[in-house]
């Protein structure tokens, strides 16, 4: 089983900590390492220094938002899987992230054991 290097990108520090806890609780067998940054700019800078396999990207962040960050990552690092993570559940938000290059879209209220297992099983 592959161990993934994961980057969590969200401007809400409490969400980052809670999401990291849930990932390690639910899919720990898939995790090699987890890193956290607070916005799109930090994400791009982080990726220049350390490669990862999987990015969980928030949509709304100050500065470089998740859509623009996803476009830049996909243009430069095609091998990275990006999973959008957002409270937005409207079609336009989902479409924007998928068109930007996200491979999946996870609504924050629907983060649970089954959905996380499904995402990691499909990688």
Protein backbone atom coordinates (compact mmCIF):
# COMPACT_ATOMS: atom_id res chain seq x y z
CA UNK A 1 0.00 0.00 0.00
CA UNK A 2 1.36 3.38 -1.02
CA UNK A 3 2.07 5.94 1.69
CA UNK A 4 1.12 9.43 0.53
CA UNK A 5 2.80 12.72 1.32
CA UNK A 6 -0.15 15.01 1.99
CA UNK A 7 -0.48 18.79 2.08
CA UNK A 8 -3.54 20.40 3.70
CA UNK A 9 -4.30 23.95 2.54
CA UNK A 10 -6.86 26.01 4.47
CA UNK A 11 -6.92 29.41 6.15
CA UNK A 12 -8.80 28.00 9.17
CA UNK A 13 -6.21 26.61 11.59
CA UNK A 14 -8.85 24.75 13.63
CA UNK A 15 -10.10 22.98 10.52
CA UNK A 16 -6.53 22.03 9.55
CA UNK A 17 -5.90 20.46 12.94
CA UNK A 18 -9.26 18.66 13.02
CA UNK A 19 -8.84 17.39 9.45
CA UNK A 20 -5.33 16.13 10.18
CA UNK A 21 -6.66 14.27 13.22
CA UNK A 22 -9.47 12.72 11.20
CA UNK A 23 -7.13 11.63 8.40
CA UNK A 24 -4.73 9.96 10.81
CA UNK A 25 -7.65 8.29 12.57
CA UNK A 26 -9.40 7.02 9.43
CA UNK A 27 -6.77 6.43 6.73
CA UNK A 28 -3.50 6.27 8.66
CA UNK A 29 -2.31 3.27 6.62
CA UNK A 30 -2.20 5.53 3.53
CA UNK A 31 -0.29 8.39 5.19
CA UNK A 32 3.43 8.88 4.92
CA UNK A 33 3.39 12.49 6.14
CA UNK A 34 1.00 15.40 6.56
CA UNK A 35 1.96 19.04 6.19
CA UNK A 36 -0.24 22.11 6.62
CA UNK A 37 -0.22 25.61 5.13
CA UNK A 38 -2.67 28.49 5.44
CA UNK A 39 -3.23 29.75 1.89
CA UNK A 40 -2.53 29.33 -1.80
CA UNK A 41 0.71 31.34 -1.77
CA UNK A 42 2.13 29.22 1.04
CA UNK A 43 1.04 26.11 -0.84
CA UNK A 44 2.94 27.09 -4.00
CA UNK A 45 6.07 27.97 -1.99
CA UNK A 46 5.85 24.72 -0.04
CA UNK A 47 5.62 22.64 -3.23
CA UNK A 48 8.73 24.33 -4.60
CA UNK A 49 10.64 22.98 -1.59
CA UNK A 50 8.98 19.64 -0.91
CA UNK A 51 7.08 17.41 -3.32
CA UNK A 52 3.81 15.84 -2.20
CA UNK A 53 1.44 13.31 -3.72
CA UNK A 54 -1.87 14.71 -2.55
CA UNK A 55 -3.21 18.19 -1.76
CA UNK A 56 -6.49 18.85 0.03
CA UNK A 57 -7.27 22.40 -1.14
CA UNK A 58 -9.77 24.82 0.39
CA UNK A 59 -11.66 26.98 -2.09
CA UNK A 60 -11.94 30.32 -0.27
CA UNK A 61 -8.74 31.76 1.14
CA UNK A 62 -7.31 35.27 1.27
CA UNK A 63 -4.78 36.12 -1.41
CA UNK A 64 -4.38 33.23 -3.82
CA UNK A 65 -7.61 31.23 -3.60
CA UNK A 66 -7.98 27.49 -4.11
CA UNK A 67 -9.07 27.74 -7.74
CA UNK A 68 -6.04 29.78 -8.82
CA UNK A 69 -3.65 27.72 -6.67
CA UNK A 70 -5.04 24.53 -8.19
CA UNK A 71 -4.51 25.86 -11.73
CA UNK A 72 -0.90 26.73 -10.95
CA UNK A 73 -0.20 23.37 -9.34
CA UNK A 74 -1.75 21.40 -12.19
CA UNK A 75 0.24 23.42 -14.75
CA UNK A 76 3.53 22.77 -12.97
CA UNK A 77 3.05 19.45 -11.12
CA UNK A 78 0.75 17.17 -13.12
CA UNK A 79 1.44 14.17 -10.86
CA UNK A 80 -0.10 15.78 -7.76
CA UNK A 81 -3.67 14.76 -6.93
CA UNK A 82 -5.75 17.71 -5.75
CA UNK A 83 -8.90 17.19 -3.74
CA UNK A 84 -11.01 20.31 -3.27
CA UNK A 85 -12.39 20.75 0.25
CA UNK A 86 -15.00 23.42 0.85
CA UNK A 87 -18.25 24.39 2.53
CA UNK A 88 -19.53 25.40 -0.91
CA UNK A 89 -21.84 22.75 -2.33
CA UNK A 90 -23.16 24.69 -5.31
CA UNK A 91 -22.60 23.44 -8.83
CA UNK A 92 -20.53 26.46 -9.91
CA UNK A 93 -17.97 26.05 -7.10
CA UNK A 94 -17.60 22.36 -7.84
CA UNK A 95 -17.31 23.01 -11.56
CA UNK A 96 -14.70 25.76 -11.07
CA UNK A 97 -12.47 23.49 -8.99
CA UNK A 98 -12.83 20.51 -11.32
CA UNK A 99 -12.09 22.71 -14.33
CA UNK A 100 -9.04 24.06 -12.49
CA UNK A 101 -7.77 20.49 -12.14
CA UNK A 102 -9.10 19.08 -8.88
CA UNK A 103 -9.70 15.34 -9.16
CA UNK A 104 -12.40 15.25 -6.51
CA UNK A 105 -14.52 17.61 -4.43
CA UNK A 106 -15.24 17.03 -0.77
CA UNK A 107 -17.83 19.15 1.03
CA UNK A 108 -16.60 19.87 4.55
CA UNK A 109 -19.88 18.84 6.18
CA UNK A 110 -19.59 15.47 4.42
CA UNK A 111 -16.10 14.59 5.61
CA UNK A 112 -16.52 11.19 7.20
CA UNK A 113 -14.94 7.75 7.33
CA UNK A 114 -16.71 6.46 4.21
CA UNK A 115 -15.86 9.45 2.03
CA UNK A 116 -12.21 9.54 3.10
CA UNK A 117 -11.84 5.81 2.56
CA UNK A 118 -13.44 6.13 -0.88
CA UNK A 119 -11.07 8.95 -1.88
CA UNK A 120 -7.93 7.10 -0.79
CA UNK A 121 -9.10 3.85 -2.35
CA UNK A 122 -9.52 5.61 -5.70
CA UNK A 123 -5.97 7.02 -5.81
